[in-house]
Amino acid sequence: MDKLFKEMLSIKNVRGILLIADTGKIRCRIAADGGSSRPESVDWLALFHCLAGMSEAALVGERLRFYIRKKCEGEYLVVLMSPIAPPVDGSTQL
């Protein structure tokens, strides 16, 4: 996973990677931009409930884009990007 995370962080405008339990607790946080994002301020549990039944989702906001993929039972991979980062889709091997 370390190699994959380093490759993802080398993509321009990727700000960080999170592994989050389905309880909303952040298990792993790797920031590419010195930590200017504040993922702990997001109600991940509520977001995951809204995404129930989806294996992946891309959400775009004014200042941040999230790519979310359910990795296995009980864990989500979240990639934090600027809105202008290249898109990530299901063909990307995560």
PDB file of N, CA and C in Angstrom:
ATOM      1  N   MET A   1       0.808  -1.193   0.000  1.00  0.00           N
ATOM      2  CA  MET A   1       0.000   0.000   0.000  1.00  0.00           C
ATOM      3  C   MET A   1       0.854   1.260   0.000  1.00  0.00           C
ATOM      4  N   ASP A   2       2.005   1.225   0.664  1.00  0.00           N
ATOM      5  CA  ASP A   2       2.848   2.418   0.725  1.00  0.00           C
ATOM      6  C   ASP A   2       3.229   2.906  -0.671  1.00  0.00           C
ATOM      7  N   LYS A   3       3.593   1.971  -1.549  1.00  0.00           N
ATOM      8  CA  LYS A   3       3.978   2.347  -2.911  1.00  0.00           C
ATOM      9  C   LYS A   3       2.801   2.989  -3.635  1.00  0.00           C
ATOM     10  N   LEU A   4       1.629   2.399  -3.501  1.00  0.00           N
ATOM     11  CA  LEU A   4       0.431   2.937  -4.134  1.00  0.00           C
ATOM     12  C   LEU A   4       0.110   4.334  -3.597  1.00  0.00           C
ATOM     13  N   PHE A   5       0.199   4.512  -2.275  1.00  0.00           N
ATOM     14  CA  PHE A   5      -0.084   5.822  -1.686  1.00  0.00           C
ATOM     15  C   PHE A   5       0.905   6.869  -2.190  1.00  0.00           C
ATOM     16  N   LYS A   6       2.181   6.513  -2.284  1.00  0.00           N
ATOM     17  CA  LYS A   6       3.182   7.457  -2.788  1.00  0.00           C
ATOM     18  C   LYS A   6       2.895   7.852  -4.233  1.00  0.00           C
ATOM     19  N   GLU A   7       2.487   6.873  -5.050  1.00  0.00           N
ATOM     20  CA  GLU A   7       2.138   7.175  -6.439  1.00  0.00           C
ATOM     21  C   GLU A   7       0.935   8.108  -6.509  1.00  0.00           C
ATOM     22  N   MET A   8      -0.071   7.845  -5.686  1.00  0.00           N
ATOM     23  CA  MET A   8      -1.259   8.688  -5.682  1.00  0.00           C
ATOM     24  C   MET A   8      -0.920  10.102  -5.218  1.00  0.00           C
ATOM     25  N   LEU A   9      -0.071  10.227  -4.201  1.00  0.00           N
ATOM     26  CA  LEU A   9       0.297  11.538  -3.688  1.00  0.00           C
ATOM     27  C   LEU A   9       1.162  12.323  -4.665  1.00  0.00           C
ATOM     28  N   SER A  10       1.793  11.623  -5.617  1.00  0.00           N
ATOM     29  CA  SER A  10       2.620  12.319  -6.600  1.00  0.00           C
ATOM     30  C   SER A  10       1.777  12.960  -7.706  1.00  0.00           C
ATOM     31  N   ILE A  11       0.495  12.620  -7.768  1.00  0.00           N
ATOM     32  CA  ILE A  11      -0.397  13.214  -8.771  1.00  0.00           C
ATOM     33  C   ILE A  11      -0.668  14.660  -8.381  1.00  0.00           C
ATOM     34  N   LYS A  12      -0.521  15.534  -9.346  1.00  0.00           N
ATOM     35  CA  LYS A  12      -0.719  16.956  -9.093  1.00  0.00           C
ATOM     36  C   LYS A  12      -2.122  17.210  -8.536  1.00  0.00           C
ATOM     37  N   ASN A  13      -2.200  18.010  -7.515  1.00  0.00           N
ATOM     38  CA  ASN A  13      -3.432  18.440  -6.851  1.00  0.00           C
ATOM     39  C   ASN A  13      -4.089  17.388  -5.960  1.00  0.00           C
ATOM     40  N   VAL A  14      -3.426  16.248  -5.723  1.00  0.00           N
ATOM     41  CA  VAL A  14      -3.908  15.318  -4.703  1.00  0.00           C
ATOM     42  C   VAL A  14      -3.392  15.838  -3.373  1.00  0.00           C
ATOM     43  N   ARG A  15      -4.292  16.040  -2.428  1.00  0.00           N
ATOM     44  CA  ARG A  15      -3.943  16.652  -1.140  1.00  0.00           C
ATOM     45  C   ARG A  15      -3.713  15.653  -0.021  1.00  0.00           C
ATOM     46  N   GLY A  16      -4.305  14.473  -0.140  1.00  0.00           N
ATOM     47  CA  GLY A  16      -4.114  13.504   0.926  1.00  0.00           C
ATOM     48  C   GLY A  16      -4.923  12.245   0.706  1.00  0.00           C
ATOM     49  N   ILE A  17      -4.630  11.260   1.531  1.00  0.00           N
ATOM     50  CA  ILE A  17      -5.298   9.965   1.471  1.00  0.00           C
ATOM     51  C   ILE A  17      -5.694   9.585   2.892  1.00  0.00           C
ATOM     52  N   LEU A  18      -6.889   9.057   3.013  1.00  0.00           N
ATOM     53  CA  LEU A  18      -7.387   8.621   4.312  1.00  0.00           C
ATOM     54  C   LEU A  18      -7.882   7.188   4.225  1.00  0.00           C
ATOM     55  N   LEU A  19      -7.692   6.433   5.278  1.00  0.00           N
ATOM     56  CA  LEU A  19      -8.370   5.156   5.471  1.00  0.00           C
ATOM     57  C   LEU A  19      -9.279   5.375   6.670  1.00  0.00           C
ATOM     58  N   ILE A  20     -10.578   5.145   6.464  1.00  0.00           N
ATOM     59  CA  ILE A  20     -11.552   5.463   7.496  1.00  0.00           C
ATOM     60  C   ILE A  20     -12.413   4.240   7.774  1.00  0.00           C
ATOM     61  N   ALA A  21     -12.577   3.940   9.045  1.00  0.00           N
ATOM     62  CA  ALA A  21     -13.450   2.836   9.449  1.00  0.00           C
ATOM     63  C   ALA A  21     -14.893   3.219   9.182  1.00  0.00           C
ATOM     64  N   ASP A  22     -15.752   2.224   9.016  1.00  0.00           N
ATOM     65  CA  ASP A  22     -17.166   2.527   8.780  1.00  0.00           C
ATOM     66  C   ASP A  22     -17.844   3.142   9.999  1.00  0.00           C
ATOM     67  N   THR A  23     -17.121   3.261  11.091  1.00  0.00           N
ATOM     68  CA  THR A  23     -17.614   3.965  12.280  1.00  0.00           C
ATOM     69  C   THR A  23     -17.338   5.459  12.183  1.00  0.00           C
ATOM     70  N   GLY A  24     -16.573   5.861  11.159  1.00  0.00           N
ATOM     71  CA  GLY A  24     -16.226   7.265  10.986  1.00  0.00           C
ATOM     72  C   GLY A  24     -14.870   7.636  11.552  1.00  0.00           C
ATOM     73  N   LYS A  25     -14.203   6.693  12.210  1.00  0.00           N
ATOM     74  CA  LYS A  25     -12.888   6.966  12.805  1.00  0.00           C
ATOM     75  C   LYS A  25     -11.798   6.885  11.737  1.00  0.00           C
ATOM     76  N   ILE A  26     -10.942   7.923  11.684  1.00  0.00           N
ATOM     77  CA  ILE A  26      -9.833   7.948  10.737  1.00  0.00           C
ATOM     78  C   ILE A  26      -8.745   7.002  11.250  1.00  0.00           C
ATOM     79  N   ARG A  27      -8.437   5.968  10.459  1.00  0.00           N
ATOM     80  CA  ARG A  27      -7.418   4.980  10.842  1.00  0.00           C
ATOM     81  C   ARG A  27      -6.028   5.391  10.378  1.00  0.00           C
ATOM     82  N   CYS A  28      -5.961   6.014   9.203  1.00  0.00           N
ATOM     83  CA  CYS A  28      -4.677   6.406   8.628  1.00  0.00           C
ATOM     84  C   CYS A  28      -4.881   7.698   7.851  1.00  0.00           C
ATOM     85  N   ARG A  29      -3.952   8.623   8.011  1.00  0.00           N
ATOM     86  CA  ARG A  29      -4.030   9.904   7.306  1.00  0.00           C
ATOM     87  C   ARG A  29      -2.650  10.237   6.750  1.00  0.00           C
ATOM     88  N   ILE A  30      -2.604  10.442   5.434  1.00  0.00           N
ATOM     89  CA  ILE A  30      -1.352  10.825   4.785  1.00  0.00           C
ATOM     90  C   ILE A  30      -1.641  12.104   4.013  1.00  0.00           C
ATOM     91  N   ALA A  31      -0.997  13.196   4.412  1.00  0.00           N
ATOM     92  CA  ALA A  31      -1.243  14.492   3.777  1.00  0.00           C
ATOM     93  C   ALA A  31      -0.101  14.844   2.837  1.00  0.00           C
ATOM     94  N   ALA A  32      -0.458  15.342   1.655  1.00  0.00           N
ATOM     95  CA  ALA A  32       0.550  15.755   0.680  1.00  0.00           C
ATOM     96  C   ALA A  32       0.815  17.250   0.760  1.00  0.00           C
ATOM     97  N   ASP A  33      -0.090  17.991   1.371  1.00  0.00           N
ATOM     98  CA  ASP A  33       0.010  19.448   1.329  1.00  0.00           C
ATOM     99  C   ASP A  33       0.300  20.078   2.683  1.00  0.00           C
ATOM    100  N   GLY A  34       0.932  19.353   3.563  1.00  0.00           N
ATOM    101  CA  GLY A  34       1.249  19.906   4.869  1.00  0.00           C
ATOM    102  C   GLY A  34       0.071  19.911   5.830  1.00  0.00           C
ATOM    103  N   GLY A  35      -1.019  19.261   5.441  1.00  0.00           N
ATOM    104  CA  GLY A  35      -2.119  19.096   6.368  1.00  0.00           C
ATOM    105  C   GLY A  35      -3.124  20.228   6.398  1.00  0.00           C
ATOM    106  N   SER A  36      -3.260  21.001   5.311  1.00  0.00           N
ATOM    107  CA  SER A  36      -4.205  22.109   5.330  1.00  0.00           C
ATOM    108  C   SER A  36      -5.658  21.637   5.313  1.00  0.00           C
ATOM    109  N   SER A  37      -5.904  20.408   4.852  1.00  0.00           N
ATOM    110  CA  SER A  37      -7.252  19.849   4.895  1.00  0.00           C
ATOM    111  C   SER A  37      -7.563  19.465   6.329  1.00  0.00           C
ATOM    112  N   ARG A  38      -8.836  19.465   6.687  1.00  0.00           N
ATOM    113  CA  ARG A  38      -9.229  19.090   8.045  1.00  0.00           C
ATOM    114  C   ARG A  38     -10.239  17.953   7.988  1.00  0.00           C
ATOM    115  N   PRO A  39      -9.797  16.746   7.653  1.00  0.00           N
ATOM    116  CA  PRO A  39     -10.743  15.629   7.508  1.00  0.00           C
ATOM    117  C   PRO A  39     -11.440  15.254   8.807  1.00  0.00           C
ATOM    118  N   GLU A  40     -10.846  15.587   9.935  1.00  0.00           N
ATOM    119  CA  GLU A  40     -11.483  15.260  11.207  1.00  0.00           C
ATOM    120  C   GLU A  40     -12.741  16.095  11.440  1.00  0.00           C
ATOM    121  N   SER A  41     -12.925  17.172  10.665  1.00  0.00           N
ATOM    122  CA  SER A  41     -14.118  18.009  10.820  1.00  0.00           C
ATOM    123  C   SER A  41     -15.303  17.498  10.005  1.00  0.00           C
ATOM    124  N   VAL A  42     -15.083  16.451   9.212  1.00  0.00           N
ATOM    125  CA  VAL A  42     -16.150  15.875   8.389  1.00  0.00           C
ATOM    126  C   VAL A  42     -16.881  14.799   9.188  1.00  0.00           C
ATOM    127  N   ASP A  43     -18.189  14.777   9.085  1.00  0.00           N
ATOM    128  CA  ASP A  43     -18.980  13.724   9.715  1.00  0.00           C
ATOM    129  C   ASP A  43     -18.993  12.523   8.761  1.00  0.00           C
ATOM    130  N   TRP A  44     -17.923  11.737   8.795  1.00  0.00           N
ATOM    131  CA  TRP A  44     -17.754  10.617   7.875  1.00  0.00           C
ATOM    132  C   TRP A  44     -18.857   9.589   8.033  1.00  0.00           C
ATOM    133  N   LEU A  45     -19.263   9.330   9.259  1.00  0.00           N
ATOM    134  CA  LEU A  45     -20.295   8.325   9.500  1.00  0.00           C
ATOM    135  C   LEU A  45     -21.589   8.705   8.773  1.00  0.00           C
ATOM    136  N   ALA A  46     -21.997   9.951   8.861  1.00  0.00           N
ATOM    137  CA  ALA A  46     -23.211  10.401   8.167  1.00  0.00           C
ATOM    138  C   ALA A  46     -23.033  10.296   6.652  1.00  0.00           C
ATOM    139  N   LEU A  47     -21.856  10.654   6.168  1.00  0.00           N
ATOM    140  CA  LEU A  47     -21.585  10.571   4.732  1.00  0.00           C
ATOM    141  C   LEU A  47     -21.663   9.121   4.256  1.00  0.00           C
ATOM    142  N   PHE A  48     -21.060   8.197   4.994  1.00  0.00           N
ATOM    143  CA  PHE A  48     -21.081   6.788   4.604  1.00  0.00           C
ATOM    144  C   PHE A  48     -22.504   6.232   4.608  1.00  0.00           C
ATOM    145  N   HIS A  49     -23.333   6.693   5.555  1.00  0.00           N
ATOM    146  CA  HIS A  49     -24.729   6.259   5.571  1.00  0.00           C
ATOM    147  C   HIS A  49     -25.452   6.746   4.319  1.00  0.00           C
ATOM    148  N   CYS A  50     -25.138   7.968   3.884  1.00  0.00           N
ATOM    149  CA  CYS A  50     -25.751   8.506   2.657  1.00  0.00           C
ATOM    150  C   CYS A  50     -25.313   7.721   1.423  1.00  0.00           C
ATOM    151  N   LEU A  51     -24.123   7.158   1.466  1.00  0.00           N
ATOM    152  CA  LEU A  51     -23.578   6.417   0.324  1.00  0.00           C
ATOM    153  C   LEU A  51     -23.848   4.915   0.423  1.00  0.00           C
ATOM    154  N   ALA A  52     -24.703   4.518   1.336  1.00  0.00           N
ATOM    155  CA  ALA A  52     -24.983   3.090   1.549  1.00  0.00           C
ATOM    156  C   ALA A  52     -25.339   2.408   0.235  1.00  0.00           C
ATOM    157  N   GLY A  53     -24.713   1.272   0.000  1.00  0.00           N
ATOM    158  CA  GLY A  53     -24.967   0.504  -1.211  1.00  0.00           C
ATOM    159  C   GLY A  53     -24.049   0.857  -2.368  1.00  0.00           C
ATOM    160  N   MET A  54     -23.284   1.928  -2.245  1.00  0.00           N
ATOM    161  CA  MET A  54     -22.348   2.315  -3.314  1.00  0.00           C
ATOM    162  C   MET A  54     -20.961   1.798  -2.975  1.00  0.00           C
ATOM    163  N   SER A  55     -20.253   1.349  -3.997  1.00  0.00           N
ATOM    164  CA  SER A  55     -18.880   0.893  -3.761  1.00  0.00           C
ATOM    165  C   SER A  55     -17.877   2.019  -3.979  1.00  0.00           C
ATOM    166  N   GLU A  56     -18.268   3.043  -4.751  1.00  0.00           N
ATOM    167  CA  GLU A  56     -17.398   4.200  -4.924  1.00  0.00           C
ATOM    168  C   GLU A  56     -18.229   5.420  -5.280  1.00  0.00           C
ATOM    169  N   ALA A  57     -17.650   6.599  -4.961  1.00  0.00           N
ATOM    170  CA  ALA A  57     -18.349   7.859  -5.238  1.00  0.00           C
ATOM    171  C   ALA A  57     -17.319   8.965  -5.395  1.00  0.00           C
ATOM    172  N   ALA A  58     -17.662   9.962  -6.183  1.00  0.00           N
ATOM    173  CA  ALA A  58     -16.835  11.161  -6.330  1.00  0.00           C
ATOM    174  C   ALA A  58     -17.715  12.354  -5.982  1.00  0.00           C
ATOM    175  N   LEU A  59     -17.262  13.154  -5.048  1.00  0.00           N
ATOM    176  CA  LEU A  59     -18.002  14.329  -4.611  1.00  0.00           C
ATOM    177  C   LEU A  59     -17.148  15.561  -4.864  1.00  0.00           C
ATOM    178  N   VAL A  60     -17.733  16.575  -5.471  1.00  0.00           N
ATOM    179  CA  VAL A  60     -16.979  17.785  -5.799  1.00  0.00           C
ATOM    180  C   VAL A  60     -17.599  18.966  -5.082  1.00  0.00           C
ATOM    181  N   GLY A  61     -16.766  19.672  -4.338  1.00  0.00           N
ATOM    182  CA  GLY A  61     -17.184  20.895  -3.664  1.00  0.00           C
ATOM    183  C   GLY A  61     -16.458  22.078  -4.258  1.00  0.00           C
ATOM    184  N   GLU A  62     -16.671  23.221  -3.676  1.00  0.00           N
ATOM    185  CA  GLU A  62     -16.059  24.449  -4.178  1.00  0.00           C
ATOM    186  C   GLU A  62     -14.537  24.436  -4.056  1.00  0.00           C
ATOM    187  N   ARG A  63     -14.029  23.877  -2.960  1.00  0.00           N
ATOM    188  CA  ARG A  63     -12.588  23.890  -2.734  1.00  0.00           C
ATOM    189  C   ARG A  63     -11.942  22.517  -2.600  1.00  0.00           C
ATOM    190  N   LEU A  64     -12.748  21.469  -2.651  1.00  0.00           N
ATOM    191  CA  LEU A  64     -12.198  20.137  -2.420  1.00  0.00           C
ATOM    192  C   LEU A  64     -13.038  19.093  -3.152  1.00  0.00           C
ATOM    193  N   ARG A  65     -12.354  18.077  -3.644  1.00  0.00           N
ATOM    194  CA  ARG A  65     -13.027  16.927  -4.251  1.00  0.00           C
ATOM    195  C   ARG A  65     -12.650  15.694  -3.438  1.00  0.00           C
ATOM    196  N   PHE A  66     -13.627  14.832  -3.209  1.00  0.00           N
ATOM    197  CA  PHE A  66     -13.407  13.573  -2.516  1.00  0.00           C
ATOM    198  C   PHE A  66     -13.652  12.437  -3.482  1.00  0.00           C
ATOM    199  N   TYR A  67     -12.763  11.469  -3.501  1.00  0.00           N
ATOM    200  CA  TYR A  67     -13.032  10.196  -4.171  1.00  0.00           C
ATOM    201  C   TYR A  67     -13.100   9.172  -3.051  1.00  0.00           C
ATOM    202  N   ILE A  68     -14.193   8.438  -2.969  1.00  0.00           N
ATOM    203  CA  ILE A  68     -14.417   7.493  -1.877  1.00  0.00           C
ATOM    204  C   ILE A  68     -14.653   6.109  -2.464  1.00  0.00           C
ATOM    205  N   ARG A  69     -13.931   5.132  -1.941  1.00  0.00           N
ATOM    206  CA  ARG A  69     -14.129   3.747  -2.375  1.00  0.00           C
ATOM    207  C   ARG A  69     -14.198   2.857  -1.143  1.00  0.00           C
ATOM    208  N   LYS A  70     -15.240   2.046  -1.110  1.00  0.00           N
ATOM    209  CA  LYS A  70     -15.344   1.072  -0.037  1.00  0.00           C
ATOM    210  C   LYS A  70     -14.386  -0.063  -0.363  1.00  0.00           C
ATOM    211  N   LYS A  71     -13.362  -0.236   0.458  1.00  0.00           N
ATOM    212  CA  LYS A  71     -12.320  -1.222   0.184  1.00  0.00           C
ATOM    213  C   LYS A  71     -12.725  -2.622   0.604  1.00  0.00           C
ATOM    214  N   CYS A  72     -13.230  -2.744   1.774  1.00  0.00           N
ATOM    215  CA  CYS A  72     -13.654  -4.035   2.286  1.00  0.00           C
ATOM    216  C   CYS A  72     -14.659  -3.757   3.393  1.00  0.00           C
ATOM    217  N   GLU A  73     -15.205  -4.784   3.950  1.00  0.00           N
ATOM    218  CA  GLU A  73     -16.187  -4.574   5.011  1.00  0.00           C
ATOM    219  C   GLU A  73     -15.544  -3.795   6.153  1.00  0.00           C
ATOM    220  N   GLY A  74     -16.074  -2.625   6.409  1.00  0.00           N
ATOM    221  CA  GLY A  74     -15.590  -1.844   7.545  1.00  0.00           C
ATOM    222  C   GLY A  74     -14.507  -0.833   7.243  1.00  0.00           C
ATOM    223  N   GLU A  75     -14.170  -0.589   5.971  1.00  0.00           N
ATOM    224  CA  GLU A  75     -13.093   0.354   5.683  1.00  0.00           C
ATOM    225  C   GLU A  75     -13.338   1.076   4.353  1.00  0.00           C
ATOM    226  N   TYR A  76     -13.039   2.366   4.349  1.00  0.00           N
ATOM    227  CA  TYR A  76     -13.161   3.195   3.155  1.00  0.00           C
ATOM    228  C   TYR A  76     -11.832   3.870   2.861  1.00  0.00           C
ATOM    229  N   LEU A  77     -11.526   3.993   1.578  1.00  0.00           N
ATOM    230  CA  LEU A  77     -10.377   4.759   1.116  1.00  0.00           C
ATOM    231  C   LEU A  77     -10.928   6.082   0.605  1.00  0.00           C
ATOM    232  N   VAL A  78     -10.361   7.189   1.078  1.00  0.00           N
ATOM    233  CA  VAL A  78     -10.791   8.519   0.660  1.00  0.00           C
ATOM    234  C   VAL A  78      -9.576   9.261   0.135  1.00  0.00           C
ATOM    235  N   VAL A  79      -9.682   9.752  -1.094  1.00  0.00           N
ATOM    236  CA  VAL A  79      -8.620  10.560  -1.683  1.00  0.00           C
ATOM    237  C   VAL A  79      -9.125  12.000  -1.698  1.00  0.00           C
ATOM    238  N   LEU A  80      -8.355  12.896  -1.084  1.00  0.00           N
ATOM    239  CA  LEU A  80      -8.689  14.319  -1.034  1.00  0.00           C
ATOM    240  C   LEU A  80      -7.929  15.031  -2.142  1.00  0.00           C
ATOM    241  N   MET A  81      -8.644  15.793  -2.962  1.00  0.00           N
ATOM    242  CA  MET A  81      -8.024  16.460  -4.104  1.00  0.00           C
ATOM    243  C   MET A  81      -8.560  17.879  -4.229  1.00  0.00           C
ATOM    244  N   SER A  82      -7.820  18.709  -4.935  1.00  0.00           N
ATOM    245  CA  SER A  82      -8.377  20.005  -5.302  1.00  0.00           C
ATOM    246  C   SER A  82      -9.401  19.756  -6.404  1.00  0.00           C
ATOM    247  N   PRO A  83     -10.336  20.669  -6.631  1.00  0.00           N
ATOM    248  CA  PRO A  83     -11.363  20.442  -7.651  1.00  0.00           C
ATOM    249  C   PRO A  83     -10.814  20.269  -9.067  1.00  0.00           C
ATOM    250  N   ILE A  84      -9.581  20.710  -9.316  1.00  0.00           N
ATOM    251  CA  ILE A  84      -9.021  20.616 -10.667  1.00  0.00           C
ATOM    252  C   ILE A  84      -8.106  19.415 -10.865  1.00  0.00           C
ATOM    253  N   ALA A  85      -8.038  18.527  -9.877  1.00  0.00           N
ATOM    254  CA  ALA A  85      -7.206  17.326 -10.001  1.00  0.00           C
ATOM    255  C   ALA A  85      -7.781  16.413 -11.075  1.00  0.00           C
ATOM    256  N   PRO A  86      -6.924  15.591 -11.713  1.00  0.00           N
ATOM    257  CA  PRO A  86      -7.436  14.643 -12.705  1.00  0.00           C
ATOM    258  C   PRO A  86      -8.426  13.685 -12.057  1.00  0.00           C
ATOM    259  N   PRO A  87      -9.449  13.270 -12.786  1.00  0.00           N
ATOM    260  CA  PRO A  87     -10.455  12.386 -12.194  1.00  0.00           C
ATOM    261  C   PRO A  87      -9.903  10.994 -11.891  1.00  0.00           C
ATOM    262  N   VAL A  88     -10.477  10.374 -10.897  1.00  0.00           N
ATOM    263  CA  VAL A  88     -10.194   8.986 -10.539  1.00  0.00           C
ATOM    264  C   VAL A  88     -11.466   8.223 -10.846  1.00  0.00           C
ATOM    265  N   ASP A  89     -11.330   7.050 -11.431  1.00  0.00           N
ATOM    266  CA  ASP A  89     -12.532   6.267 -11.723  1.00  0.00           C
ATOM    267  C   ASP A  89     -12.314   4.815 -11.365  1.00  0.00           C
ATOM    268  N   GLY A  90     -13.307   3.997 -11.610  1.00  0.00           N
ATOM    269  CA  GLY A  90     -13.264   2.581 -11.242  1.00  0.00           C
ATOM    270  C   GLY A  90     -12.181   1.790 -11.921  1.00  0.00           C
ATOM    271  N   SER A  91     -11.600   2.316 -13.021  1.00  0.00           N
ATOM    272  CA  SER A  91     -10.540   1.587 -13.697  1.00  0.00           C
ATOM    273  C   SER A  91      -9.190   1.749 -12.994  1.00  0.00           C
ATOM    274  N   THR A  92      -9.098   2.703 -12.064  1.00  0.00           N
ATOM    275  CA  THR A  92      -7.864   2.916 -11.318  1.00  0.00           C
ATOM    276  C   THR A  92      -7.712   1.782 -10.316  1.00  0.00           C
ATOM    277  N   GLN A  93      -6.565   1.156 -10.277  1.00  0.00           N
ATOM    278  CA  GLN A  93      -6.315   0.030  -9.371  1.00  0.00           C
ATOM    279  C   GLN A  93      -5.919   0.560  -8.003  1.00  0.00           C
ATOM    280  N   LEU A  94      -6.852   0.545  -7.052  1.00  0.00           N
ATOM    281  CA  LEU A  94      -6.574   0.991  -5.700  1.00  0.00           C
ATOM    282  C   LEU A  94      -6.531  -0.181  -4.762  1.00  0.00           C
TER     283      LEU A  94
END
